């Protein structure tokens, strides 16, 4: 009997000792778990801080020295913060380092540079001619235009030139005109001729001289009526009055207007034909006020036409008009071109390049490298290693695909000539972000500090989906909560996770079981 009691006591002692050590080990494990609860929760919750620390370690020793300037949302660069976290769309914020923003320099992976087709060219010192392009209109040389008019009243008996566009030369017979005045003048001439011959046969030599003077006056009157010399000679030889007399052309060229038909009556001063010489033509171009200083009389001009592809006509500036057109706000500049084969026809349109004096040893770059925004001009300098810097420049004249750079780029620097608009878009994006990189106090607050919960309706919020693992410092004071009217019977404790509860600090004395 005593032996059995001793056995029971020993067994009870062993069981007590085993239970003691088990509870001790469990208490130590709970204490260790409570002490390292932040590290454990962070490892399983995948917090942004732990991920960024791992990413920093993976970047190497150089990455540890880089300073994060701000954090931005990956889908909205304008959404920036002063510390890591989540964007409004729930995505992880992306760090932007200070060395990426320094001096406005854009850094692009060299492989990406090749894929987007970035091409460059070296700025050089070369001779460049000041020139610009404009549109010209071919017109007549006004100094070669003529009007043929009637000086007597009469009727057109016959037309020899009866179509517009017909080429004529000087002294070409245009028409035959019957005029009573011309008939009377012929008769006067014949009377003067007979009187002179009679005086020459007489013995008074002084009277013979007056007869010559009278005949010369009659001849001059015929000439003033534009009676041709050959008809006057024929009249003097045959001594017969002609019913019609010829009207000859007084100019060489092309008939550009015909105002006469057979049988019509003409009056003194009436225009019968208009003639223009097309062997020499003018081309009028309009020059804007800013381009007026670039033009001067004597400068060379190049003209090309769609009607003569591949052919370049060379002329020169002969006159700059002294007034500005009120509507177009331009100055008309007159160019002169030789036109022996009459390829240049009046009212043709052509492309004109006005060549000015050369600028010696100017820094030039390809014209396509310059991005003109209206307010300023930008080029991108290739710094090597996928680094590009925007540079504001001032440019001068442009000629043959080259542009003169007055300031902003030095000879020897390499500029981007293609895909620079992609770089410009990236630069503009960086500029916008830089302006927003100093957040205001409200922008710097990423938590609930800037949120006004007074008017929020939490009735539809489901608490079961909330992740409390990221809450560092709880701000809820449970001591002030009134649980008197709470219905604990409707609470579902089955879905509650008690694993993270610290049972060591719980007071079970007041719990009613």
Protein backbone atom coordinates (compact mmCIF):
# COMPACT_ATOMS: atom_id res chain seq x y z
CA UNK A 1 0.00 0.00 0.00
CA UNK A 2 2.74 2.42 0.86
CA UNK A 3 4.65 1.35 -2.16
CA UNK A 4 1.72 2.17 -4.42
CA UNK A 5 1.38 5.58 -2.84
CA UNK A 6 5.07 6.30 -3.34
CA UNK A 7 4.77 5.18 -6.96
CA UNK A 8 1.85 7.53 -7.49
CA UNK A 9 3.74 10.38 -5.89
CA UNK A 10 6.79 9.77 -8.05
CA UNK A 11 4.63 9.54 -11.16
CA UNK A 12 2.89 12.73 -10.20
CA UNK A 13 6.25 14.45 -9.70
CA UNK A 14 7.49 13.33 -13.10
CA UNK A 15 4.33 14.56 -14.79
CA UNK A 16 4.56 17.87 -12.99
CA UNK A 17 8.18 18.36 -13.99
CA UNK A 18 7.43 17.54 -17.65
CA UNK A 19 4.53 19.94 -17.73
CA UNK A 20 6.68 22.64 -16.12
CA UNK A 21 9.35 22.39 -18.79
CA UNK A 22 6.74 22.33 -21.59
CA UNK A 23 5.09 25.50 -20.27
CA UNK A 24 8.48 27.16 -19.83
CA UNK A 25 9.48 26.42 -23.44
CA UNK A 26 6.14 27.71 -24.69
CA UNK A 27 6.49 30.89 -22.63
CA UNK A 28 9.97 31.48 -24.03
CA UNK A 29 8.71 30.96 -27.58
CA UNK A 30 5.85 33.39 -27.03
CA UNK A 31 8.22 35.95 -25.55
CA UNK A 32 10.61 35.63 -28.47
CA UNK A 33 7.72 35.91 -30.89
CA UNK A 34 6.49 39.06 -29.18
CA UNK A 35 9.97 40.61 -29.20
CA UNK A 36 10.51 39.95 -32.92
CA UNK A 37 6.91 40.43 -33.93
CA UNK A 38 7.70 43.35 -36.32
CA UNK A 39 10.35 41.40 -38.17
CA UNK A 40 8.11 38.35 -38.48
CA UNK A 41 5.08 40.34 -39.63
CA UNK A 42 7.19 42.35 -42.07
CA UNK A 43 8.65 39.20 -43.61
CA UNK A 44 5.25 37.66 -44.26
CA UNK A 45 3.29 40.81 -45.03
CA UNK A 46 5.59 41.87 -47.88
CA UNK A 47 5.75 45.50 -46.71
CA UNK A 48 7.16 48.14 -49.02
CA UNK A 49 9.94 48.99 -46.56
CA UNK A 50 11.30 45.43 -46.51
CA UNK A 51 11.04 45.06 -50.27
CA UNK A 52 12.84 48.35 -50.86
CA UNK A 53 15.58 47.33 -48.36
CA UNK A 54 16.07 44.07 -50.26
CA UNK A 55 16.07 45.92 -53.58
CA UNK A 56 18.67 48.34 -52.22
CA UNK A 57 20.89 45.48 -51.12
CA UNK A 58 20.58 43.87 -54.55
CA UNK A 59 21.67 47.07 -56.25
CA UNK A 60 25.14 46.81 -54.68
CA UNK A 61 27.38 49.08 -52.72
CA UNK A 62 26.86 52.03 -55.11
CA UNK A 63 23.12 51.90 -54.60
CA UNK A 64 23.57 52.41 -50.84
CA UNK A 65 25.10 55.82 -51.52
CA UNK A 66 22.26 57.03 -53.75
CA UNK A 67 19.79 59.43 -52.16
CA UNK A 68 16.08 59.10 -52.89
CA UNK A 69 14.68 62.50 -53.80
CA UNK A 70 11.03 61.52 -53.71
CA UNK A 71 8.66 58.66 -54.46
CA UNK A 72 6.18 58.68 -57.31
CA UNK A 73 3.33 56.56 -58.54
CA UNK A 74 4.31 54.29 -61.46
CA UNK A 75 1.17 55.15 -63.45
CA UNK A 76 1.02 58.86 -62.59
CA UNK A 77 4.37 60.68 -62.33
CA UNK A 78 2.61 63.76 -60.99
CA UNK A 79 1.54 61.80 -57.90
CA UNK A 80 4.57 62.13 -55.63
CA UNK A 81 5.29 61.42 -51.94
CA UNK A 82 8.13 61.92 -49.49
CA UNK A 83 8.25 58.29 -48.29
CA UNK A 84 7.46 54.83 -49.69
CA UNK A 85 4.02 53.37 -49.68
CA UNK A 86 1.10 52.75 -51.99
CA UNK A 87 -0.24 54.98 -54.76
CA UNK A 88 -3.88 55.93 -55.09
CA UNK A 89 -4.27 52.98 -57.45
CA UNK A 90 -2.81 50.61 -54.86
CA UNK A 91 0.53 50.15 -56.63
CA UNK A 92 3.96 50.30 -54.99
CA UNK A 93 5.62 53.71 -55.19
CA UNK A 94 8.80 53.99 -57.29
CA UNK A 95 11.90 55.80 -55.93
CA UNK A 96 13.42 58.68 -57.89
CA UNK A 97 17.05 59.38 -57.03
CA UNK A 98 18.70 62.78 -56.96
CA UNK A 99 21.40 61.78 -59.43
CA UNK A 100 18.71 61.08 -62.04
CA UNK A 101 17.40 64.65 -61.78
CA UNK A 102 20.70 66.47 -61.66
CA UNK A 103 21.06 69.24 -64.28
CA UNK A 104 18.06 68.10 -66.29
CA UNK A 105 20.13 65.23 -67.73
CA UNK A 106 18.11 62.35 -69.14
CA UNK A 107 19.53 58.86 -68.69
CA UNK A 108 18.41 56.12 -71.05
CA UNK A 109 19.63 52.58 -71.33
CA UNK A 110 22.01 52.34 -74.32
CA UNK A 111 20.00 49.42 -75.66
CA UNK A 112 16.85 51.57 -75.58
CA UNK A 113 18.73 54.39 -77.31
CA UNK A 114 19.51 52.04 -80.16
CA UNK A 115 15.98 50.66 -80.33
CA UNK A 116 14.30 54.07 -80.63
CA UNK A 117 16.66 55.08 -83.43
CA UNK A 118 18.58 57.95 -81.87
CA UNK A 119 21.02 59.46 -84.40
CA UNK A 120 23.56 62.19 -83.78
CA UNK A 121 25.75 64.64 -85.69
CA UNK A 122 28.72 66.80 -84.75
CA UNK A 123 28.40 70.60 -84.75
CA UNK A 124 30.93 72.08 -87.18
CA UNK A 125 32.30 75.44 -88.21
CA UNK A 126 31.47 75.91 -91.89
CA UNK A 127 30.51 78.61 -94.37
CA UNK A 128 26.77 79.06 -94.61
CA UNK A 129 24.85 81.37 -96.93
CA UNK A 130 22.01 83.43 -95.58
CA UNK A 131 19.01 82.35 -97.61
CA UNK A 132 15.31 81.72 -97.29
CA UNK A 133 12.54 80.31 -99.40
CA UNK A 134 9.39 81.96 -100.68
CA UNK A 135 6.83 81.72 -103.46
CA UNK A 136 7.16 83.79 -106.64
CA UNK A 137 4.75 84.75 -109.42
CA UNK A 138 6.00 85.21 -112.97
CA UNK A 139 4.83 88.40 -114.64
CA UNK A 140 5.66 90.59 -117.65
CA UNK A 141 8.65 92.85 -117.82
CA UNK A 142 6.83 96.15 -117.72
CA UNK A 143 9.67 97.89 -119.56
CA UNK A 144 9.03 95.76 -122.67
CA UNK A 145 5.24 96.15 -122.84
CA UNK A 146 3.70 98.29 -125.60
CA UNK A 147 0.27 99.52 -126.63
CA UNK A 148 -0.52 100.15 -130.28
CA UNK A 149 -3.19 102.83 -130.71
CA UNK A 150 -4.87 104.62 -133.60
CA UNK A 151 -3.97 108.29 -134.17
CA UNK A 152 -6.70 108.96 -136.68
CA UNK A 153 -10.36 108.18 -137.05
CA UNK A 154 -11.15 105.45 -139.54
CA UNK A 155 -12.37 101.95 -140.31
CA UNK A 156 -10.46 98.68 -140.29
CA UNK A 157 -10.44 97.26 -143.81
CA UNK A 158 -8.16 94.26 -143.22
CA UNK A 159 -6.39 92.58 -140.27
CA UNK A 160 -3.01 90.92 -140.71
CA UNK A 161 -2.54 89.99 -137.00
CA UNK A 162 -5.84 88.53 -135.91
CA UNK A 163 -5.13 86.42 -132.77
CA UNK A 164 -3.86 86.84 -129.25
CA UNK A 165 -0.55 85.19 -128.44
CA UNK A 166 0.86 85.70 -131.91
CA UNK A 167 4.52 86.62 -131.98
CA UNK A 168 5.35 89.76 -133.93
CA UNK A 169 8.48 91.74 -134.69
CA UNK A 170 9.06 95.41 -135.11
CA UNK A 171 7.45 96.92 -138.28
CA UNK A 172 5.13 93.92 -138.73
CA UNK A 173 1.98 95.00 -140.63
CA UNK A 174 -0.95 94.79 -138.22
CA UNK A 175 -3.89 96.09 -140.27
CA UNK A 176 -5.08 98.33 -143.14
CA UNK A 177 -7.07 101.39 -142.13
CA UNK A 178 -9.28 103.63 -144.24
CA UNK A 179 -9.30 107.16 -142.91
CA UNK A 180 -10.53 110.35 -144.63
CA UNK A 181 -7.84 112.26 -142.77
CA UNK A 182 -5.14 110.05 -144.25
CA UNK A 183 -6.57 110.47 -147.75
CA UNK A 184 -6.57 114.27 -147.33
CA UNK A 185 -3.02 114.22 -146.05
CA UNK A 186 -1.91 112.18 -149.04
CA UNK A 187 -3.48 114.72 -151.38
CA UNK A 188 -1.72 117.57 -149.57
CA UNK A 189 1.56 115.73 -149.97
CA UNK A 190 1.03 115.33 -153.71
CA UNK A 191 0.19 119.04 -154.09
CA UNK A 192 3.34 120.01 -152.17
CA UNK A 193 5.35 117.68 -154.38
CA UNK A 194 3.96 119.25 -157.57
CA UNK A 195 4.51 122.78 -156.26
CA UNK A 196 8.15 121.98 -155.46
CA UNK A 197 8.79 120.55 -158.91
CA UNK A 198 7.27 123.68 -160.53
CA UNK A 199 9.42 126.03 -158.48
CA UNK A 200 12.54 124.06 -159.35
CA UNK A 201 11.89 124.64 -163.09
CA UNK A 202 11.56 128.41 -162.59
CA UNK A 203 14.32 131.00 -162.55
CA UNK A 204 13.84 132.01 -158.92
CA UNK A 205 16.01 129.78 -156.77
CA UNK A 206 14.69 131.37 -153.55
CA UNK A 207 11.17 130.16 -154.31
CA UNK A 208 12.46 126.63 -154.95
CA UNK A 209 13.69 126.46 -151.36
CA UNK A 210 10.23 127.29 -150.02
CA UNK A 211 8.78 124.48 -152.16
CA UNK A 212 11.14 121.97 -150.50
CA UNK A 213 10.08 123.16 -147.08
CA UNK A 214 6.38 122.78 -147.92
CA UNK A 215 6.93 119.21 -149.17
CA UNK A 216 8.89 118.31 -146.04
CA UNK A 217 6.02 119.55 -143.85
CA UNK A 218 3.51 117.38 -145.76
CA UNK A 219 5.80 114.35 -145.43
CA UNK A 220 6.18 114.95 -141.68
CA UNK A 221 2.40 115.03 -141.24
CA UNK A 222 2.08 111.59 -142.86
CA UNK A 223 4.75 110.23 -140.58
CA UNK A 224 2.98 111.64 -137.53
CA UNK A 225 -0.07 109.64 -138.55
CA UNK A 226 2.13 106.53 -138.48
CA UNK A 227 2.06 106.09 -142.25
CA UNK A 228 5.01 103.77 -142.93
CA UNK A 229 8.00 105.05 -144.86
CA UNK A 230 7.60 102.54 -147.67
CA UNK A 231 4.08 103.79 -148.41
CA UNK A 232 5.22 107.42 -148.39
CA UNK A 233 7.98 106.50 -150.89
CA UNK A 234 5.46 104.62 -152.99
CA UNK A 235 3.11 107.65 -152.92
CA UNK A 236 5.91 109.95 -153.98
CA UNK A 237 6.89 107.63 -156.80
CA UNK A 238 3.44 106.74 -158.18
CA UNK A 239 1.74 110.03 -157.30
CA UNK A 240 -1.51 108.16 -156.59
CA UNK A 241 -3.61 108.47 -153.40
CA UNK A 242 -4.27 105.12 -151.62
CA UNK A 243 -7.62 104.42 -150.01
CA UNK A 244 -6.12 102.46 -147.07
CA UNK A 245 -2.83 102.75 -145.33
CA UNK A 246 -0.93 100.24 -143.17
CA UNK A 247 -0.42 100.42 -139.41
CA UNK A 248 2.82 98.71 -138.39
CA UNK A 249 3.93 97.36 -135.00
CA UNK A 250 6.23 99.62 -133.09
CA UNK A 251 7.51 96.81 -130.75
CA UNK A 252 8.63 93.21 -130.78
CA UNK A 253 7.01 90.54 -128.67
CA UNK A 254 3.79 88.63 -128.22
CA UNK A 255 0.28 89.98 -128.63
CA UNK A 256 -1.22 89.69 -125.17
CA UNK A 257 -4.41 91.59 -125.98
CA UNK A 258 -6.29 92.33 -129.25
CA UNK A 259 -9.08 94.91 -129.20
CA UNK A 260 -9.84 95.21 -132.91
CA UNK A 261 -11.77 93.29 -135.55
CA UNK A 262 -12.30 93.85 -139.26
CA UNK A 263 -14.86 96.46 -140.18
CA UNK A 264 -14.95 98.22 -136.84
CA UNK A 265 -14.54 101.94 -136.50
CA UNK A 266 -11.60 103.17 -134.52
CA UNK A 267 -11.09 106.52 -132.85
CA UNK A 268 -7.95 108.47 -132.04
CA UNK A 269 -6.35 107.16 -128.82
CA UNK A 270 -8.08 103.79 -128.97
CA UNK A 271 -5.86 100.81 -128.09
CA UNK A 272 -5.73 98.26 -130.87
CA UNK A 273 -3.10 95.81 -129.56
CA UNK A 274 -1.01 95.21 -126.45
CA UNK A 275 2.38 93.62 -126.99
CA UNK A 276 4.91 92.26 -124.45
CA UNK A 277 8.41 90.91 -124.93
CA UNK A 278 8.78 87.59 -123.03
CA UNK A 279 12.49 87.14 -123.61
CA UNK A 280 12.92 88.78 -120.24
CA UNK A 281 10.42 88.34 -117.35
CA UNK A 282 9.92 89.51 -113.80
CA UNK A 283 9.14 87.36 -110.77
CA UNK A 284 7.51 89.06 -107.80
CA UNK A 285 7.97 87.56 -104.34
CA UNK A 286 6.57 88.65 -100.98
CA UNK A 287 9.01 89.02 -98.10
CA UNK A 288 7.96 89.37 -94.46
CA UNK A 289 9.15 92.29 -92.39
CA UNK A 290 11.63 90.18 -90.42
CA UNK A 291 13.28 89.06 -93.67
CA UNK A 292 13.65 92.53 -95.21
CA UNK A 293 17.20 93.03 -93.83
CA UNK A 294 18.27 89.84 -95.63
CA UNK A 295 17.48 91.10 -99.15
CA UNK A 296 19.29 93.66 -101.28
CA UNK A 297 19.47 94.61 -104.93
CA UNK A 298 21.94 92.44 -106.82
CA UNK A 299 21.56 89.28 -104.73
CA UNK A 300 21.18 85.97 -106.56
CA UNK A 301 17.79 84.26 -106.80
CA UNK A 302 17.05 80.64 -107.74
CA UNK A 303 13.72 79.65 -109.27
CA UNK A 304 12.26 76.18 -109.78
CA UNK A 305 8.98 75.27 -111.48
CA UNK A 306 6.78 72.22 -111.48
CA UNK A 307 6.52 72.68 -115.26
CA UNK A 308 10.30 72.27 -115.60
CA UNK A 309 11.37 69.62 -113.05
CA UNK A 310 15.08 69.48 -112.37
CA UNK A 311 15.78 72.84 -114.01
CA UNK A 312 16.97 75.80 -111.96
CA UNK A 313 16.59 79.34 -113.30
CA UNK A 314 19.09 81.89 -112.05
CA UNK A 315 18.19 85.54 -111.71
CA UNK A 316 18.83 88.47 -109.43
CA UNK A 317 17.01 91.01 -107.30
CA UNK A 318 16.49 94.19 -109.29
CA UNK A 319 14.16 96.19 -107.03
CA UNK A 320 12.72 96.21 -103.50
CA UNK A 321 9.46 98.10 -103.34
CA UNK A 322 9.40 100.96 -100.80
CA UNK A 323 6.03 100.13 -99.24
CA UNK A 324 4.34 97.26 -97.36
CA UNK A 325 1.15 95.58 -98.42
CA UNK A 326 -1.47 96.43 -95.80
CA UNK A 327 -3.25 93.07 -95.91
CA UNK A 328 -0.38 90.62 -96.11
CA UNK A 329 2.13 92.78 -94.19
CA UNK A 330 4.82 91.89 -96.73
CA UNK A 331 7.17 93.76 -99.02
CA UNK A 332 7.24 92.92 -102.74
CA UNK A 333 10.68 92.13 -104.14
CA UNK A 334 11.18 92.11 -107.91
CA UNK A 335 13.41 89.48 -109.51
CA UNK A 336 14.55 89.44 -113.12
CA UNK A 337 15.16 86.31 -115.21
CA UNK A 338 16.24 85.68 -118.79
CA UNK A 339 13.66 83.71 -120.73
CA UNK A 340 14.95 83.08 -124.25
CA UNK A 341 12.91 79.92 -124.83
CA UNK A 342 9.83 81.36 -123.08
CA UNK A 343 9.66 78.54 -120.52
CA UNK A 344 8.70 81.09 -117.89
CA UNK A 345 5.15 82.11 -118.60
CA UNK A 346 3.29 84.96 -116.92
CA UNK A 347 1.17 84.02 -113.88
CA UNK A 348 3.20 80.85 -113.22
CA UNK A 349 3.98 80.04 -109.58
CA UNK A 350 7.46 78.92 -108.58
CA UNK A 351 9.63 78.21 -105.57
CA UNK A 352 12.24 80.89 -105.02
CA UNK A 353 15.39 80.74 -102.90
CA UNK A 354 16.94 84.10 -102.15
CA UNK A 355 20.67 83.85 -101.58
CA UNK A 356 22.24 86.43 -99.30
CA UNK A 357 25.85 87.08 -98.38
CA UNK A 358 27.83 84.26 -96.77
CA UNK A 359 28.50 84.07 -93.04
CA UNK A 360 32.09 82.98 -92.51
CA UNK A 361 33.00 80.25 -90.02
CA UNK A 362 29.62 79.88 -88.36
CA UNK A 363 28.75 76.95 -86.08
CA UNK A 364 26.24 74.84 -88.01
CA UNK A 365 24.19 71.77 -87.17
CA UNK A 366 21.58 69.84 -89.17
CA UNK A 367 18.32 71.78 -89.27
CA UNK A 368 16.31 68.76 -88.12
CA UNK A 369 18.19 68.75 -84.81
CA UNK A 370 16.43 71.94 -83.68
CA UNK A 371 13.05 71.67 -81.96
CA UNK A 372 11.23 74.97 -82.41
CA UNK A 373 8.44 75.48 -79.86
CA UNK A 374 7.54 79.02 -80.86
CA UNK A 375 8.97 80.61 -77.72
CA UNK A 376 12.39 78.99 -77.84
CA UNK A 377 14.53 76.48 -79.72
CA UNK A 378 15.88 73.31 -78.08
CA UNK A 379 18.55 70.81 -79.09
CA UNK A 380 19.66 67.69 -77.22
CA UNK A 381 23.36 67.19 -76.56
CA UNK A 382 24.66 63.62 -76.52
CA UNK A 383 26.87 63.31 -73.41
CA UNK A 384 27.64 59.65 -74.02
CA UNK A 385 26.65 56.54 -72.10
CA UNK A 386 22.95 57.09 -72.75
CA UNK A 387 23.01 60.56 -71.17
CA UNK A 388 21.33 63.47 -72.97
CA UNK A 389 20.99 67.11 -71.92
CA UNK A 390 18.47 69.62 -73.35
CA UNK A 391 20.07 72.89 -74.43
CA UNK A 392 18.34 76.12 -75.45
CA UNK A 393 19.90 77.69 -78.54
CA UNK A 394 19.61 80.80 -80.67
CA UNK A 395 19.76 80.18 -84.40
CA UNK A 396 20.36 82.33 -87.45
CA UNK A 397 20.04 81.54 -91.12
CA UNK A 398 19.16 78.18 -92.63
CA UNK A 399 20.45 76.90 -95.94
CA UNK A 400 20.81 73.53 -97.63
CA UNK A 401 19.65 71.61 -94.56
CA UNK A 402 22.09 73.38 -92.24
CA UNK A 403 21.27 75.90 -89.54
CA UNK A 404 23.53 78.59 -88.12
CA UNK A 405 23.78 78.46 -84.31
CA UNK A 406 24.48 81.81 -82.71
CA UNK A 407 24.66 80.52 -79.11
CA UNK A 408 24.01 77.35 -77.13
CA UNK A 409 26.16 74.82 -79.00
CA UNK A 410 29.91 74.82 -79.58
CA UNK A 411 31.78 73.22 -82.45
CA UNK A 412 32.62 69.59 -81.68
CA UNK A 413 29.56 68.88 -79.53
CA UNK A 414 27.33 66.07 -80.68
CA UNK A 415 23.64 66.83 -81.16
CA UNK A 416 20.68 64.48 -81.60
CA UNK A 417 19.19 64.58 -85.11
CA UNK A 418 16.46 61.94 -84.86
CA UNK A 419 14.07 60.68 -82.17
CA UNK A 420 14.72 63.89 -80.25
CA UNK A 421 10.97 64.38 -79.81
CA UNK A 422 10.92 61.28 -77.61
CA UNK A 423 13.70 62.79 -75.54
CA UNK A 424 11.82 66.09 -75.44
CA UNK A 425 8.72 64.32 -74.10
CA UNK A 426 10.81 62.70 -71.36
CA UNK A 427 12.45 66.03 -70.56
CA UNK A 428 9.08 67.77 -70.27
CA UNK A 429 7.91 65.00 -67.96
CA UNK A 430 10.97 65.45 -65.75
CA UNK A 431 10.40 69.20 -65.70
CA UNK A 432 6.82 68.77 -64.49
CA UNK A 433 7.91 66.33 -61.82
CA UNK A 434 10.71 68.64 -60.67
CA UNK A 435 8.22 71.42 -60.16
CA UNK A 436 6.20 69.10 -57.96
CA UNK A 437 9.16 67.48 -56.22
CA UNK A 438 8.85 69.76 -53.17
CA UNK A 439 5.50 68.61 -51.83
CA UNK A 440 3.46 70.81 -49.59
CA UNK A 441 2.65 69.75 -46.05
CA UNK A 442 -0.58 68.18 -47.16
CA UNK A 443 1.17 66.31 -50.03
CA UNK A 444 3.79 65.00 -47.60
CA UNK A 445 1.16 63.32 -45.50
CA UNK A 446 0.44 59.93 -46.97
CA UNK A 447 -1.65 58.54 -44.08
CA UNK A 448 -5.00 59.47 -42.71
CA UNK A 449 -3.80 62.88 -41.47
CA UNK A 450 -5.24 64.73 -44.44
CA UNK A 451 -8.46 62.77 -44.57
CA UNK A 452 -11.62 64.16 -43.09
CA UNK A 453 -13.53 61.22 -41.62
CA UNK A 454 -16.31 63.32 -40.17
CA UNK A 455 -18.50 63.04 -43.22
CA UNK A 456 -17.53 59.50 -44.23
CA UNK A 457 -20.07 56.69 -44.12
CA UNK A 458 -18.43 53.53 -42.77
CA UNK A 459 -21.63 51.52 -42.75
CA UNK A 460 -20.78 49.71 -45.96
CA UNK A 461 -17.17 48.96 -45.09
CA UNK A 462 -16.23 45.34 -44.47
CA UNK A 463 -13.64 45.07 -41.74
CA UNK A 464 -12.76 41.47 -42.50
CA UNK A 465 -10.71 42.52 -45.58
CA UNK A 466 -8.59 45.11 -43.77
CA UNK A 467 -4.89 44.38 -43.33
CA UNK A 468 -3.77 45.52 -39.87
CA UNK A 469 -0.25 44.20 -40.28
CA UNK A 470 0.98 47.55 -41.68
CA UNK A 471 -0.29 49.63 -38.80
CA UNK A 472 2.81 50.68 -36.87
CA UNK A 473 1.31 52.71 -34.04
CA UNK A 474 -2.36 52.04 -33.30
CA UNK A 475 -4.25 55.18 -32.55
CA UNK A 476 -7.41 53.51 -31.25
CA UNK A 477 -7.94 53.76 -27.48
CA UNK A 478 -10.09 50.75 -26.53
CA UNK A 479 -10.35 51.85 -22.93
CA UNK A 480 -12.88 54.49 -23.84
CA UNK A 481 -15.10 52.16 -25.82
CA UNK A 482 -18.48 51.26 -24.29
CA UNK A 483 -19.14 47.51 -24.72
CA UNK A 484 -22.23 47.49 -22.50
CA UNK A 485 -24.77 47.32 -25.29
CA UNK A 486 -22.72 45.12 -27.60
CA UNK A 487 -24.27 41.81 -28.58
CA UNK A 488 -21.48 39.27 -28.30
CA UNK A 489 -23.75 36.49 -29.28
CA UNK A 490 -23.82 37.63 -32.90
CA UNK A 491 -20.03 37.86 -33.17
CA UNK A 492 -18.34 35.16 -35.22
CA UNK A 493 -15.14 34.23 -33.41
CA UNK A 494 -14.41 31.40 -35.75
CA UNK A 495 -12.69 33.61 -38.34
CA UNK A 496 -10.62 35.51 -35.78
CA UNK A 497 -6.86 34.92 -35.80
CA UNK A 498 -5.59 34.72 -32.21
CA UNK A 499 -2.09 33.77 -33.25
CA UNK A 500 -0.72 37.27 -32.88
CA UNK A 501 -2.36 37.87 -29.48
CA UNK A 502 -0.10 38.36 -26.48
CA UNK A 503 -1.67 36.08 -23.87
CA UNK A 504 0.95 37.02 -21.32
CA UNK A 505 -0.54 40.43 -20.76
CA UNK A 506 -4.19 39.39 -20.84
CA UNK A 507 -6.19 39.70 -17.58
CA UNK A 508 -8.53 36.67 -17.42
CA UNK A 509 -9.80 37.46 -13.97
CA UNK A 510 -12.51 39.75 -15.26
CA UNK A 511 -13.64 37.51 -18.08
CA UNK A 512 -16.97 35.83 -17.42
CA UNK A 513 -16.93 32.27 -18.65
